[in-house]
PDB file of N, CA and C in Angstrom:
ATOM      1  N   UNK A   1     109.442 103.235  95.912  1.00  0.00           N
ATOM      2  CA  UNK A   1     109.614 104.516  95.368  1.00  0.00           C
ATOM      3  C   UNK A   1     108.838 105.549  96.250  1.00  0.00           C
ATOM      4  N   UNK A   2     109.635 106.599  96.645  1.00  0.00           N
ATOM      5  CA  UNK A   2     108.852 107.631  97.429  1.00  0.00           C
ATOM      6  C   UNK A   2     107.959 108.377  96.750  1.00  0.00           C
ATOM      7  N   UNK A   3     107.111 109.148  97.587  1.00  0.00           N
ATOM      8  CA  UNK A   3     106.094 110.207  97.039  1.00  0.00           C
ATOM      9  C   UNK A   3     106.834 111.085  96.064  1.00  0.00           C
ATOM     10  N   UNK A   4     108.014 111.794  96.576  1.00  0.00           N
ATOM     11  CA  UNK A   4     108.511 112.749  95.724  1.00  0.00           C
ATOM     12  C   UNK A   4     109.126 112.167  94.373  1.00  0.00           C
ATOM     13  N   UNK A   5     109.527 110.834  94.253  1.00  0.00           N
ATOM     14  CA  UNK A   5     109.897 110.395  93.078  1.00  0.00           C
ATOM     15  C   UNK A   5     108.731 110.103  92.218  1.00  0.00           C
ATOM     16  N   UNK A   6     107.623 109.607  92.734  1.00  0.00           N
ATOM     17  CA  UNK A   6     106.369 109.400  91.899  1.00  0.00           C
ATOM     18  C   UNK A   6     105.897 110.656  91.384  1.00  0.00           C
ATOM     19  N   UNK A   7     105.832 111.828  92.233  1.00  0.00           N
ATOM     20  CA  UNK A   7     105.552 113.011  91.693  1.00  0.00           C
ATOM     21  C   UNK A   7     106.430 113.521  90.594  1.00  0.00           C
ATOM     22  N   UNK A   8     107.742 113.430  90.790  1.00  0.00           N
ATOM     23  CA  UNK A   8     108.625 113.853  89.773  1.00  0.00           C
ATOM     24  C   UNK A   8     108.353 113.050  88.442  1.00  0.00           C
ATOM     25  N   UNK A   9     108.179 111.554  88.418  1.00  0.00           N
ATOM     26  CA  UNK A   9     107.832 110.964  87.321  1.00  0.00           C
ATOM     27  C   UNK A   9     106.561 111.437  86.632  1.00  0.00           C
ATOM     28  N   UNK A  10     105.606 111.643  87.393  1.00  0.00           N
ATOM     29  CA  UNK A  10     104.316 112.218  86.893  1.00  0.00           C
ATOM     30  C   UNK A  10     104.558 113.537  86.217  1.00  0.00           C
ATOM     31  N   UNK A  11     105.398 114.226  86.694  1.00  0.00           N
ATOM     32  CA  UNK A  11     105.671 115.677  86.048  1.00  0.00           C
ATOM     33  C   UNK A  11     106.321 115.625  84.687  1.00  0.00           C
ATOM     34  N   UNK A  12     107.154 114.527  84.609  1.00  0.00           N
ATOM     35  CA  UNK A  12     107.912 114.390  83.395  1.00  0.00           C
ATOM     36  C   UNK A  12     106.967 113.851  82.479  1.00  0.00           C
ATOM     37  N   UNK A  13     106.045 112.902  82.759  1.00  0.00           N
ATOM     38  CA  UNK A  13     105.036 112.403  81.757  1.00  0.00           C
ATOM     39  C   UNK A  13     104.127 113.437  81.276  1.00  0.00           C
ATOM     40  N   UNK A  14     103.785 114.373  82.248  1.00  0.00           N
ATOM     41  CA  UNK A  14     102.914 115.473  81.836  1.00  0.00           C
ATOM     42  C   UNK A  14     103.522 116.369  81.000  1.00  0.00           C
ATOM     43  N   UNK A  15     104.711 116.598  81.094  1.00  0.00           N
ATOM     44  CA  UNK A  15     105.553 117.543  80.163  1.00  0.00           C
ATOM     45  C   UNK A  15     105.669 117.032  78.764  1.00  0.00           C
ATOM     46  N   UNK A  16     105.802 115.631  78.749  1.00  0.00           N
ATOM     47  CA  UNK A  16     105.969 114.996  77.463  1.00  0.00           C
ATOM     48  C   UNK A  16     104.504 115.158  76.710  1.00  0.00           C
ATOM     49  N   UNK A  17     103.536 114.965  77.454  1.00  0.00           N
ATOM     50  CA  UNK A  17     102.144 114.960  76.697  1.00  0.00           C
ATOM     51  C   UNK A  17     101.896 116.346  76.256  1.00  0.00           C
ATOM     52  N   UNK A  18     102.205 117.320  77.144  1.00  0.00           N
ATOM     53  CA  UNK A  18     102.009 118.717  76.738  1.00  0.00           C
ATOM     54  C   UNK A  18     102.835 119.078  75.338  1.00  0.00           C
ATOM     55  N   UNK A  19     104.155 118.550  75.314  1.00  0.00           N
ATOM     56  CA  UNK A  19     104.894 118.874  74.197  1.00  0.00           C
ATOM     57  C   UNK A  19     104.291 118.042  72.881  1.00  0.00           C
ATOM     58  N   UNK A  20     103.805 116.833  73.243  1.00  0.00           N
ATOM     59  CA  UNK A  20     103.359 116.059  72.043  1.00  0.00           C
ATOM     60  C   UNK A  20     102.046 116.732  71.532  1.00  0.00           C
ATOM     61  N   UNK A  21     101.186 117.223  72.508  1.00  0.00           N
ATOM     62  CA  UNK A  21      99.928 117.884  72.013  1.00  0.00           C
ATOM     63  C   UNK A  21     100.056 119.223  71.418  1.00  0.00           C
ATOM     64  N   UNK A  22     101.221 119.878  71.431  1.00  0.00           N
ATOM     65  CA  UNK A  22     101.400 120.983  70.530  1.00  0.00           C
ATOM     66  C   UNK A  22     101.853 120.698  69.085  1.00  0.00           C
ATOM     67  N   UNK A  23     102.298 119.495  68.871  1.00  0.00           N
ATOM     68  CA  UNK A  23     102.599 118.973  67.459  1.00  0.00           C
ATOM     69  C   UNK A  23     101.378 118.392  66.816  1.00  0.00           C
ATOM     70  N   UNK A  24     100.537 117.703  67.562  1.00  0.00           N
ATOM     71  CA  UNK A  24      99.471 116.921  66.941  1.00  0.00           C
ATOM     72  C   UNK A  24      98.105 117.435  67.433  1.00  0.00           C
ATOM     73  N   UNK A  25      97.219 116.906  66.658  1.00  0.00           N
ATOM     74  CA  UNK A  25      95.624 117.193  67.110  1.00  0.00           C
ATOM     75  C   UNK A  25      95.224 115.899  67.667  1.00  0.00           C
ATOM     76  N   UNK A  26      94.749 115.935  69.037  1.00  0.00           N
ATOM     77  CA  UNK A  26      94.538 114.761  69.813  1.00  0.00           C
ATOM     78  C   UNK A  26      93.014 114.577  69.802  1.00  0.00           C
ATOM     79  N   UNK A  27      92.216 115.294  68.901  1.00  0.00           N
ATOM     80  CA  UNK A  27      90.818 115.080  68.837  1.00  0.00           C
ATOM     81  C   UNK A  27      90.476 113.572  68.351  1.00  0.00           C
ATOM     82  N   UNK A  28      89.630 113.098  69.096  1.00  0.00           N
ATOM     83  CA  UNK A  28      89.169 111.680  68.876  1.00  0.00           C
ATOM     84  C   UNK A  28      87.636 111.713  68.849  1.00  0.00           C
ATOM     85  N   UNK A  29      87.067 110.919  67.832  1.00  0.00           N
ATOM     86  CA  UNK A  29      85.505 110.913  67.942  1.00  0.00           C
ATOM     87  C   UNK A  29      85.081 109.994  69.223  1.00  0.00           C
ATOM     88  N   UNK A  30      83.879 110.154  69.436  1.00  0.00           N
ATOM     89  CA  UNK A  30      83.427 109.405  70.661  1.00  0.00           C
ATOM     90  C   UNK A  30      83.569 107.828  70.186  1.00  0.00           C
ATOM     91  N   UNK A  31      83.200 107.575  69.097  1.00  0.00           N
ATOM     92  CA  UNK A  31      83.224 106.014  68.637  1.00  0.00           C
ATOM     93  C   UNK A  31      84.759 105.578  68.740  1.00  0.00           C
ATOM     94  N   UNK A  32      85.717 106.366  68.340  1.00  0.00           N
ATOM     95  CA  UNK A  32      87.123 105.933  68.458  1.00  0.00           C
ATOM     96  C   UNK A  32      87.501 105.813  69.843  1.00  0.00           C
ATOM     97  N   UNK A  33      87.120 106.821  70.712  1.00  0.00           N
ATOM     98  CA  UNK A  33      87.369 106.813  72.160  1.00  0.00           C
ATOM     99  C   UNK A  33      86.709 105.565  72.807  1.00  0.00           C
ATOM    100  N   UNK A  34      85.499 105.196  72.562  1.00  0.00           N
ATOM    101  CA  UNK A  34      84.864 103.951  73.036  1.00  0.00           C
ATOM    102  C   UNK A  34      85.586 102.716  72.591  1.00  0.00           C
ATOM    103  N   UNK A  35      85.916 102.794  71.327  1.00  0.00           N
ATOM    104  CA  UNK A  35      86.598 101.563  70.804  1.00  0.00           C
ATOM    105  C   UNK A  35      87.919 101.380  71.612  1.00  0.00           C
ATOM    106  N   UNK A  36      88.759 102.382  71.716  1.00  0.00           N
ATOM    107  CA  UNK A  36      90.024 102.373  72.510  1.00  0.00           C
ATOM    108  C   UNK A  36      89.715 101.777  73.918  1.00  0.00           C
ATOM    109  N   UNK A  37      88.783 102.187  74.609  1.00  0.00           N
ATOM    110  CA  UNK A  37      88.317 101.614  75.917  1.00  0.00           C
ATOM    111  C   UNK A  37      87.965 100.178  75.804  1.00  0.00           C
ATOM    112  N   UNK A  38      87.242  99.914  74.838  1.00  0.00           N
ATOM    113  CA  UNK A  38      86.760  98.601  74.645  1.00  0.00           C
ATOM    114  C   UNK A  38      88.008  97.638  74.490  1.00  0.00           C
ATOM    115  N   UNK A  39      88.986  98.091  73.588  1.00  0.00           N
ATOM    116  CA  UNK A  39      90.082  97.230  73.268  1.00  0.00           C
ATOM    117  C   UNK A  39      91.042  96.996  74.584  1.00  0.00           C
ATOM    118  N   UNK A  40      91.238  98.146  75.272  1.00  0.00           N
ATOM    119  CA  UNK A  40      91.964  98.144  76.510  1.00  0.00           C
ATOM    120  C   UNK A  40      91.342  97.290  77.546  1.00  0.00           C
ATOM    121  N   UNK A  41      90.152  97.272  77.731  1.00  0.00           N
ATOM    122  CA  UNK A  41      89.465  96.253  78.705  1.00  0.00           C
ATOM    123  C   UNK A  41      89.643  95.015  78.346  1.00  0.00           C
ATOM    124  N   UNK A  42      89.693  94.645  76.950  1.00  0.00           N
ATOM    125  CA  UNK A  42      89.763  93.304  76.656  1.00  0.00           C
ATOM    126  C   UNK A  42      91.279  92.768  76.865  1.00  0.00           C
ATOM    127  N   UNK A  43      92.177  93.688  76.705  1.00  0.00           N
ATOM    128  CA  UNK A  43      93.544  93.328  76.952  1.00  0.00           C
ATOM    129  C   UNK A  43      93.853  93.127  78.533  1.00  0.00           C
ATOM    130  N   UNK A  44      93.228  93.952  79.318  1.00  0.00           N
ATOM    131  CA  UNK A  44      93.269  93.702  80.766  1.00  0.00           C
ATOM    132  C   UNK A  44      92.634  92.445  81.135  1.00  0.00           C
ATOM    133  N   UNK A  45      91.443  92.168  80.761  1.00  0.00           N
ATOM    134  CA  UNK A  45      90.681  90.831  81.027  1.00  0.00           C
ATOM    135  C   UNK A  45      91.426  89.603  80.567  1.00  0.00           C
ATOM    136  N   UNK A  46      92.264  89.689  79.414  1.00  0.00           N
ATOM    137  CA  UNK A  46      93.014  88.703  78.997  1.00  0.00           C
ATOM    138  C   UNK A  46      94.514  88.432  79.725  1.00  0.00           C
ATOM    139  N   UNK A  47      94.629  89.433  80.781  1.00  0.00           N
ATOM    140  CA  UNK A  47      95.868  89.431  81.425  1.00  0.00           C
ATOM    141  C   UNK A  47      97.011  90.111  81.014  1.00  0.00           C
ATOM    142  N   UNK A  48      96.796  91.035  79.765  1.00  0.00           N
ATOM    143  CA  UNK A  48      97.944  91.585  79.215  1.00  0.00           C
ATOM    144  C   UNK A  48      97.907  93.113  79.913  1.00  0.00           C
ATOM    145  N   UNK A  49      98.491  93.163  81.087  1.00  0.00           N
ATOM    146  CA  UNK A  49      98.658  94.506  81.720  1.00  0.00           C
ATOM    147  C   UNK A  49      99.811  94.345  82.696  1.00  0.00           C
ATOM    148  N   UNK A  50     100.338  95.497  83.135  1.00  0.00           N
ATOM    149  CA  UNK A  50     101.475  95.585  84.150  1.00  0.00           C
ATOM    150  C   UNK A  50     100.981  96.163  85.354  1.00  0.00           C
ATOM    151  N   UNK A  51     101.188  95.454  86.486  1.00  0.00           N
ATOM    152  CA  UNK A  51     100.617  96.128  87.706  1.00  0.00           C
ATOM    153  C   UNK A  51     101.715  97.038  88.407  1.00  0.00           C
ATOM    154  N   UNK A  52     101.214  97.855  89.164  1.00  0.00           N
ATOM    155  CA  UNK A  52     101.988  99.008  89.716  1.00  0.00           C
ATOM    156  C   UNK A  52     103.223  98.249  90.477  1.00  0.00           C
ATOM    157  N   UNK A  53     102.918  97.171  91.181  1.00  0.00           N
ATOM    158  CA  UNK A  53     104.001  96.499  91.786  1.00  0.00           C
ATOM    159  C   UNK A  53     105.133  95.867  90.804  1.00  0.00           C
ATOM    160  N   UNK A  54     104.647  95.325  89.859  1.00  0.00           N
ATOM    161  CA  UNK A  54     105.601  94.819  88.855  1.00  0.00           C
ATOM    162  C   UNK A  54     106.316  95.938  88.126  1.00  0.00           C
ATOM    163  N   UNK A  55     105.737  96.973  87.974  1.00  0.00           N
ATOM    164  CA  UNK A  55     106.521  98.204  87.293  1.00  0.00           C
ATOM    165  C   UNK A  55     107.511  98.747  88.334  1.00  0.00           C
ATOM    166  N   UNK A  56     107.135  98.833  89.615  1.00  0.00           N
ATOM    167  CA  UNK A  56     108.190  99.305  90.482  1.00  0.00           C
ATOM    168  C   UNK A  56     109.317  98.290  90.582  1.00  0.00           C
ATOM    169  N   UNK A  57     109.004  96.995  90.596  1.00  0.00           N
ATOM    170  CA  UNK A  57     110.236  96.114  90.568  1.00  0.00           C
ATOM    171  C   UNK A  57     111.028  96.306  89.296  1.00  0.00           C
ATOM    172  N   UNK A  58     110.505  96.443  88.006  1.00  0.00           N
ATOM    173  CA  UNK A  58     111.333  96.654  87.022  1.00  0.00           C
ATOM    174  C   UNK A  58     112.010  98.007  86.988  1.00  0.00           C
ATOM    175  N   UNK A  59     111.462  99.015  87.523  1.00  0.00           N
ATOM    176  CA  UNK A  59     112.199 100.337  87.678  1.00  0.00           C
ATOM    177  C   UNK A  59     113.361 100.183  88.664  1.00  0.00           C
ATOM    178  N   UNK A  60     113.190  99.434  89.764  1.00  0.00           N
ATOM    179  CA  UNK A  60     114.366  99.122  90.672  1.00  0.00           C
ATOM    180  C   UNK A  60     115.636  98.439  89.981  1.00  0.00           C
ATOM    181  N   UNK A  61     115.297  97.548  88.907  1.00  0.00           N
ATOM    182  CA  UNK A  61     116.218  97.102  88.305  1.00  0.00           C
ATOM    183  C   UNK A  61     116.999  97.979  87.250  1.00  0.00           C
ATOM    184  N   UNK A  62     116.458  98.899  86.719  1.00  0.00           N
ATOM    185  CA  UNK A  62     116.897  99.962  85.925  1.00  0.00           C
ATOM    186  C   UNK A  62     117.900 100.850  86.769  1.00  0.00           C
ATOM    187  N   UNK A  63     117.628 101.142  88.088  1.00  0.00           N
ATOM    188  CA  UNK A  63     118.344 102.234  88.868  1.00  0.00           C
ATOM    189  C   UNK A  63     118.873 101.543  89.955  1.00  0.00           C
TER     190      UNK A  63
END
């Protein structure tokens, strides 16, 4: 995937986040934020994640 394609995908994601943010309040307490980080790190340490390389291969299969 080229740099322009990556930039384009990033812009699409940003636009979705902006649109979603207009409809909902994204405020999260510090405790909730820390819990989300803790849970995410546990998932990564247990092997539940997708690497950039794997994601790129999956994207190639779609297009």
